[in-house]
Amino acid sequence: MDTKLQSMLYLYENGQYEDCIQQANTYLQTKPKEPLACLLVAMPSLQIHLISDGKQANEALKLALLYSSKAKGMDKFPTALKSFTWEWDELKRVTEETADGIYNTVNRTESAVYYKYLASIWNDTTKAYREFFMEATPTSMKLESVENEPIADLSDHKANMIIDYAESLMGTPYRRSGSGLSPEGGFDCSGYVCYVYKAYDINLPHGSQNQSVLGKTIPLKDAQKGDLIFFGSKKGDSYYTSHVGIVHENDNGQISFIHASSSSGVTIDGPKTLSWDYWKGKILFVKRIFE
């Protein structure tokens, strides 16, 4: 274990949770595949959740789950977890308690984010979790029907977190009609988008056509990370969407997007990839579902 990780563990063990999180995030910028650093964001966040209430507690729990999910997908995860055996069990307990509490007493749809983490991190799915998903795909829609107001507020910081989370699912296999129940089951394109955004309390319908009616149309050149980019075909004043992805980056008008590809699973495509000639000819529009 290098000295920086040892220093972070010392901060954690001495209750300096915010400092530990800050240092672990900095560490991950240069070593993004270090599971212990991810857990040194997740477990201090869990502790903050346990001693806080309201919005701060909720945000801390979601951060703990996000970074736990990242850590679990890394090669050295079992070794890293040995430092946090009690915390790992406590995180699952708290997540179950939070999900069930919201489901039974507040707004059932708000509990889905926690059920998703239970499925993706601990392979624990429930009947309550499955009821949130349904399929409906209109055959075509009028172009004038696609303009709506953004449906959520999202800061630049949270947009970056969404992209980080989207990237953490890289390599998840494609599965036709995979509506986003868990990465283990695979995703189709819209199921992947649902799964990513649900982790941040943004509820999207399954089906790229259904998602295409949400939010506000944005010129392609003004696309920002976190926007949705739709692909398909147009005929007269109607369109049909066959695919959706999440804008990953806009580098002076050069758009890359992260998506569940039928050939590669969750991957990033853009001007530097071999498949870009195919995708760029099918772009319909970009939608912003948050401001």
Protein backbone atom coordinates (compact mmCIF):
# COMPACT_ATOMS: atom_id res chain seq x y z
CA MET A 1 0.00 0.00 0.00
CA ASP A 2 1.45 3.36 -0.97
CA THR A 3 1.85 6.21 1.51
CA LYS A 4 -1.01 8.28 0.08
CA LEU A 5 -3.49 5.47 0.64
CA GLN A 6 -2.10 4.95 4.15
CA SER A 7 -2.60 8.65 4.84
CA MET A 8 -6.21 8.47 3.68
CA LEU A 9 -6.87 5.45 5.87
CA TYR A 10 -5.48 7.40 8.82
CA LEU A 11 -7.86 10.27 8.07
CA TYR A 12 -10.79 7.88 7.85
CA GLU A 13 -9.92 6.05 11.06
CA ASN A 14 -9.67 9.38 12.87
CA GLY A 15 -13.02 10.68 11.70
CA GLN A 16 -11.70 13.24 9.22
CA TYR A 17 -14.21 12.15 6.62
CA GLU A 18 -14.36 15.22 4.38
CA ASP A 19 -10.57 15.40 4.11
CA CYS A 20 -10.41 11.70 3.33
CA ILE A 21 -13.00 12.06 0.54
CA GLN A 22 -11.19 15.04 -0.95
CA GLN A 23 -7.82 13.29 -0.98
CA ALA A 24 -9.28 10.07 -2.38
CA ASN A 25 -10.97 11.95 -5.22
CA THR A 26 -7.68 13.66 -6.04
CA TYR A 27 -5.89 10.30 -5.98
CA LEU A 28 -8.46 8.79 -8.35
CA GLN A 29 -7.76 11.45 -10.96
CA THR A 30 -4.36 9.85 -11.57
CA LYS A 31 -5.18 6.25 -10.55
CA PRO A 32 -8.85 5.73 -11.48
CA LYS A 33 -8.70 1.93 -11.17
CA GLU A 34 -7.67 1.80 -7.51
CA PRO A 35 -10.56 0.19 -5.59
CA LEU A 36 -9.22 1.15 -2.17
CA ALA A 37 -9.34 4.83 -3.15
CA CYS A 38 -12.95 4.36 -4.29
CA LEU A 39 -13.79 2.78 -0.95
CA LEU A 40 -12.06 5.71 0.76
CA VAL A 41 -14.70 7.91 -0.83
CA ALA A 42 -17.54 5.49 -0.20
CA MET A 43 -16.99 4.62 3.45
CA PRO A 44 -16.43 8.17 4.77
CA SER A 45 -19.59 9.09 2.84
CA LEU A 46 -21.40 6.29 4.65
CA GLN A 47 -20.21 7.67 7.98
CA ILE A 48 -21.40 11.16 7.00
CA HIS A 49 -24.78 9.65 6.12
CA LEU A 50 -25.01 7.98 9.51
CA ILE A 51 -24.39 11.22 11.43
CA SER A 52 -26.43 13.54 9.19
CA ASP A 53 -30.04 13.94 8.21
CA GLY A 54 -32.14 15.32 5.39
CA LYS A 55 -30.60 16.15 2.02
CA GLN A 56 -27.01 15.87 3.27
CA ALA A 57 -27.63 12.32 4.46
CA ASN A 58 -29.26 11.33 1.17
CA GLU A 59 -26.47 12.79 -0.96
CA ALA A 60 -23.82 11.12 1.20
CA LEU A 61 -25.50 7.72 0.86
CA LYS A 62 -25.75 8.05 -2.91
CA LEU A 63 -22.06 8.99 -3.08
CA ALA A 64 -21.20 5.95 -0.95
CA LEU A 65 -23.16 3.71 -3.29
CA LEU A 66 -21.72 5.24 -6.45
CA TYR A 67 -18.13 4.69 -5.39
CA SER A 68 -18.87 1.26 -3.95
CA SER A 69 -20.30 0.30 -7.32
CA LYS A 70 -17.15 1.57 -9.03
CA ALA A 71 -14.89 -0.30 -6.62
CA LYS A 72 -16.71 -3.60 -7.03
CA GLY A 73 -15.95 -3.67 -10.74
CA MET A 74 -12.17 -3.42 -10.21
CA ASP A 75 -9.66 -6.25 -10.14
CA LYS A 76 -8.30 -5.69 -6.61
CA PHE A 77 -11.70 -5.15 -5.00
CA PRO A 78 -11.71 -8.26 -2.73
CA THR A 79 -8.36 -7.26 -1.23
CA ALA A 80 -9.42 -3.63 -0.76
CA LEU A 81 -12.68 -4.66 0.91
CA LYS A 82 -10.82 -6.42 3.75
CA SER A 83 -10.32 -3.01 5.38
CA PHE A 84 -14.08 -2.34 5.43
CA THR A 85 -15.90 -5.58 6.24
CA TRP A 86 -18.22 -4.03 8.84
CA GLU A 87 -18.86 -0.93 6.74
CA TRP A 88 -19.76 -3.02 3.68
CA ASP A 89 -22.44 -4.90 5.60
CA GLU A 90 -23.66 -1.67 7.17
CA LEU A 91 -23.92 0.02 3.78
CA LYS A 92 -26.15 -2.76 2.50
CA ARG A 93 -28.30 -2.61 5.62
CA VAL A 94 -28.71 1.16 5.36
CA THR A 95 -29.50 0.93 1.64
CA GLU A 96 -32.18 -1.71 2.23
CA GLU A 97 -33.65 0.31 5.08
CA THR A 98 -33.68 3.50 3.03
CA ALA A 99 -35.20 1.84 -0.04
CA ASP A 100 -37.95 0.14 1.94
CA GLY A 101 -38.64 3.24 4.01
CA ILE A 102 -39.12 5.46 0.96
CA TYR A 103 -41.11 2.78 -0.85
CA ASN A 104 -43.54 2.34 2.00
CA THR A 105 -43.96 5.89 3.26
CA VAL A 106 -42.94 8.57 0.74
CA ASN A 107 -42.78 8.22 -3.03
CA ARG A 108 -42.29 4.74 -4.39
CA THR A 109 -40.45 5.88 -7.50
CA GLU A 110 -37.79 7.58 -5.38
CA SER A 111 -36.82 4.26 -3.86
CA ALA A 112 -35.82 2.74 -7.24
CA VAL A 113 -32.33 4.24 -7.16
CA TYR A 114 -31.55 2.32 -3.97
CA TYR A 115 -33.06 -0.92 -5.24
CA LYS A 116 -30.88 -0.58 -8.34
CA TYR A 117 -27.75 -0.31 -6.25
CA LEU A 118 -28.80 -3.34 -4.22
CA ALA A 119 -29.10 -5.24 -7.49
CA SER A 120 -25.86 -4.01 -9.05
CA ILE A 121 -23.61 -4.17 -5.96
CA TRP A 122 -25.04 -7.08 -3.97
CA ASN A 123 -27.07 -8.89 -6.67
CA ASP A 124 -30.13 -8.39 -4.48
CA THR A 125 -33.31 -7.68 -6.44
CA THR A 126 -36.84 -7.40 -5.09
CA LYS A 127 -40.37 -7.52 -6.42
CA ALA A 128 -40.83 -3.88 -5.44
CA TYR A 129 -37.82 -2.94 -7.56
CA ARG A 130 -39.13 -4.57 -10.70
CA GLU A 131 -42.46 -2.75 -10.69
CA PHE A 132 -40.80 0.52 -11.75
CA PHE A 133 -40.10 -0.64 -15.30
CA MET A 134 -42.36 -0.98 -18.28
CA GLU A 135 -41.93 -1.02 -22.04
CA ALA A 136 -43.74 1.08 -24.62
CA THR A 137 -42.33 2.15 -27.95
CA PRO A 138 -44.40 4.34 -30.27
CA THR A 139 -43.79 3.68 -33.97
CA SER A 140 -43.10 7.30 -34.90
CA MET A 141 -43.65 10.84 -33.64
CA LYS A 142 -43.97 14.31 -35.09
CA LEU A 143 -40.89 16.47 -34.89
CA GLU A 144 -42.86 19.29 -33.27
CA SER A 145 -43.74 16.97 -30.38
CA VAL A 146 -40.17 16.71 -29.12
CA GLU A 147 -39.91 20.12 -27.46
CA ASN A 148 -40.45 20.26 -23.71
CA GLU A 149 -38.83 21.93 -20.75
CA PRO A 150 -35.95 20.19 -18.98
CA ILE A 151 -37.25 17.84 -16.31
CA ALA A 152 -34.55 18.22 -13.66
CA ASP A 153 -31.91 20.57 -12.31
CA LEU A 154 -28.36 19.33 -12.60
CA SER A 155 -25.15 21.15 -11.70
CA ASP A 156 -21.90 20.75 -13.64
CA HIS A 157 -20.59 18.77 -10.68
CA LYS A 158 -23.45 16.30 -10.85
CA ALA A 159 -23.14 16.08 -14.65
CA ASN A 160 -19.53 15.00 -14.12
CA MET A 161 -20.66 12.45 -11.55
CA ILE A 162 -23.22 11.07 -14.01
CA ILE A 163 -20.53 10.66 -16.66
CA ASP A 164 -18.21 9.04 -14.11
CA TYR A 165 -20.97 6.60 -13.20
CA ALA A 166 -21.78 5.96 -16.87
CA GLU A 167 -18.10 5.16 -17.47
CA SER A 168 -18.03 2.78 -14.51
CA LEU A 169 -20.44 0.54 -16.45
CA MET A 170 -18.14 0.28 -19.47
CA GLY A 171 -18.06 -3.26 -20.82
CA THR A 172 -21.52 -4.22 -19.54
CA PRO A 173 -22.98 -6.45 -22.26
CA TYR A 174 -25.83 -5.48 -24.54
CA ARG A 175 -29.13 -7.27 -24.10
CA ARG A 176 -32.15 -6.67 -26.29
CA SER A 177 -35.01 -5.23 -24.20
CA GLY A 178 -32.62 -4.94 -21.26
CA SER A 179 -34.56 -2.33 -19.31
CA GLY A 180 -31.90 -1.49 -16.74
CA LEU A 181 -32.70 -3.80 -13.84
CA SER A 182 -29.01 -4.46 -13.24
CA PRO A 183 -25.71 -4.49 -15.11
CA GLU A 184 -25.52 -8.26 -14.63
CA GLY A 185 -28.53 -8.68 -16.89
CA GLY A 186 -27.19 -6.39 -19.60
CA PHE A 187 -28.70 -3.24 -21.08
CA ASP A 188 -30.28 -2.10 -24.28
CA CYS A 189 -29.60 1.52 -25.23
CA SER A 190 -32.49 3.15 -23.39
CA GLY A 191 -32.24 0.79 -20.44
CA TYR A 192 -28.65 1.91 -19.94
CA VAL A 193 -29.73 5.57 -19.98
CA CYS A 194 -32.51 4.78 -17.50
CA TYR A 195 -30.09 3.02 -15.18
CA VAL A 196 -27.53 5.82 -15.18
CA TYR A 197 -29.99 8.66 -14.62
CA LYS A 198 -32.08 6.83 -12.05
CA ALA A 199 -29.03 6.82 -9.79
CA TYR A 200 -29.47 10.61 -9.59
CA ASP A 201 -33.24 10.67 -9.08
CA ILE A 202 -34.04 11.41 -12.73
CA ASN A 203 -36.74 8.98 -13.81
CA LEU A 204 -36.84 8.23 -17.52
CA PRO A 205 -39.16 5.87 -19.38
CA HIS A 206 -37.76 2.82 -21.13
CA GLY A 207 -37.61 3.11 -24.92
CA SER A 208 -35.61 5.63 -26.93
CA GLN A 209 -38.76 6.95 -28.58
CA ASN A 210 -40.32 7.61 -25.19
CA GLN A 211 -37.18 9.36 -23.97
CA SER A 212 -37.02 11.50 -27.12
CA VAL A 213 -40.10 13.52 -26.14
CA LEU A 214 -38.49 14.75 -22.92
CA GLY A 215 -36.52 17.93 -22.35
CA LYS A 216 -35.41 20.69 -24.68
CA THR A 217 -33.82 20.35 -28.13
CA ILE A 218 -30.24 21.63 -28.21
CA PRO A 219 -28.14 22.39 -31.34
CA LEU A 220 -25.56 19.66 -31.81
CA LYS A 221 -22.70 22.16 -31.56
CA ASP A 222 -23.95 23.22 -28.11
CA ALA A 223 -24.32 19.71 -26.69
CA GLN A 224 -22.95 19.23 -23.18
CA LYS A 225 -21.93 16.16 -21.24
CA GLY A 226 -25.00 14.50 -19.81
CA ASP A 227 -27.30 15.53 -22.67
CA LEU A 228 -29.10 12.74 -24.52
CA ILE A 229 -28.26 12.20 -28.18
CA PHE A 230 -30.78 10.39 -30.39
CA PHE A 231 -30.25 8.46 -33.59
CA GLY A 232 -32.71 7.20 -36.18
CA SER A 233 -34.45 8.28 -39.35
CA LYS A 234 -36.68 11.10 -40.56
CA LYS A 235 -39.51 11.09 -43.06
CA GLY A 236 -41.19 14.39 -43.76
CA ASP A 237 -42.09 15.98 -40.45
CA SER A 238 -41.90 12.69 -38.55
CA TYR A 239 -39.01 10.81 -37.03
CA TYR A 240 -38.29 7.38 -35.61
CA THR A 241 -35.61 6.86 -32.98
CA SER A 242 -33.65 3.63 -33.08
CA HIS A 243 -30.94 4.47 -30.55
CA VAL A 244 -30.02 6.81 -27.70
CA GLY A 245 -26.79 7.60 -25.88
CA ILE A 246 -25.40 10.10 -23.37
CA VAL A 247 -23.14 12.90 -24.57
CA HIS A 248 -19.73 12.14 -23.11
CA GLU A 249 -17.80 15.16 -24.36
CA ASN A 250 -18.06 18.10 -26.75
CA ASP A 251 -14.57 19.09 -27.91
CA ASN A 252 -15.17 22.17 -30.07
CA GLY A 253 -18.11 20.56 -31.80
CA GLN A 254 -16.62 17.05 -31.89
CA ILE A 255 -19.19 14.98 -30.03
CA SER A 256 -18.47 11.68 -28.33
CA PHE A 257 -21.18 9.67 -26.61
CA ILE A 258 -21.39 6.73 -24.24
CA HIS A 259 -24.03 4.14 -24.96
CA ALA A 260 -25.05 0.48 -24.93
CA SER A 261 -24.02 -0.75 -28.36
CA SER A 262 -25.47 -3.99 -29.72
CA SER A 263 -21.99 -5.00 -30.91
CA SER A 264 -19.79 -3.84 -28.02
CA GLY A 265 -21.97 -3.36 -24.95
CA VAL A 266 -21.45 -0.13 -23.01
CA THR A 267 -18.78 1.81 -24.88
CA ILE A 268 -17.78 5.30 -26.04
CA ASP A 269 -18.03 6.29 -29.70
CA GLY A 270 -17.04 9.51 -31.44
CA PRO A 271 -14.95 10.98 -34.26
CA LYS A 272 -11.91 8.89 -33.29
CA THR A 273 -13.71 5.52 -33.43
CA LEU A 274 -14.22 3.34 -36.48
CA SER A 275 -18.01 3.30 -36.14
CA TRP A 276 -18.40 7.09 -36.16
CA ASP A 277 -19.18 7.28 -39.89
CA TYR A 278 -22.18 5.07 -39.23
CA TRP A 279 -23.43 6.99 -36.20
CA LYS A 280 -22.95 10.54 -37.46
CA GLY A 281 -25.26 9.90 -40.41
CA LYS A 282 -28.07 8.82 -38.09
CA ILE A 283 -28.05 11.70 -35.58
CA LEU A 284 -31.53 13.16 -35.13
CA PHE A 285 -31.11 15.69 -32.33
CA VAL A 286 -29.77 16.31 -28.84
CA LYS A 287 -32.11 16.78 -25.88
CA ARG A 288 -31.31 18.41 -22.56
CA ILE A 289 -33.35 16.91 -19.76
CA PHE A 290 -31.83 19.10 -17.07
CA GLU A 291 -30.69 22.69 -16.61
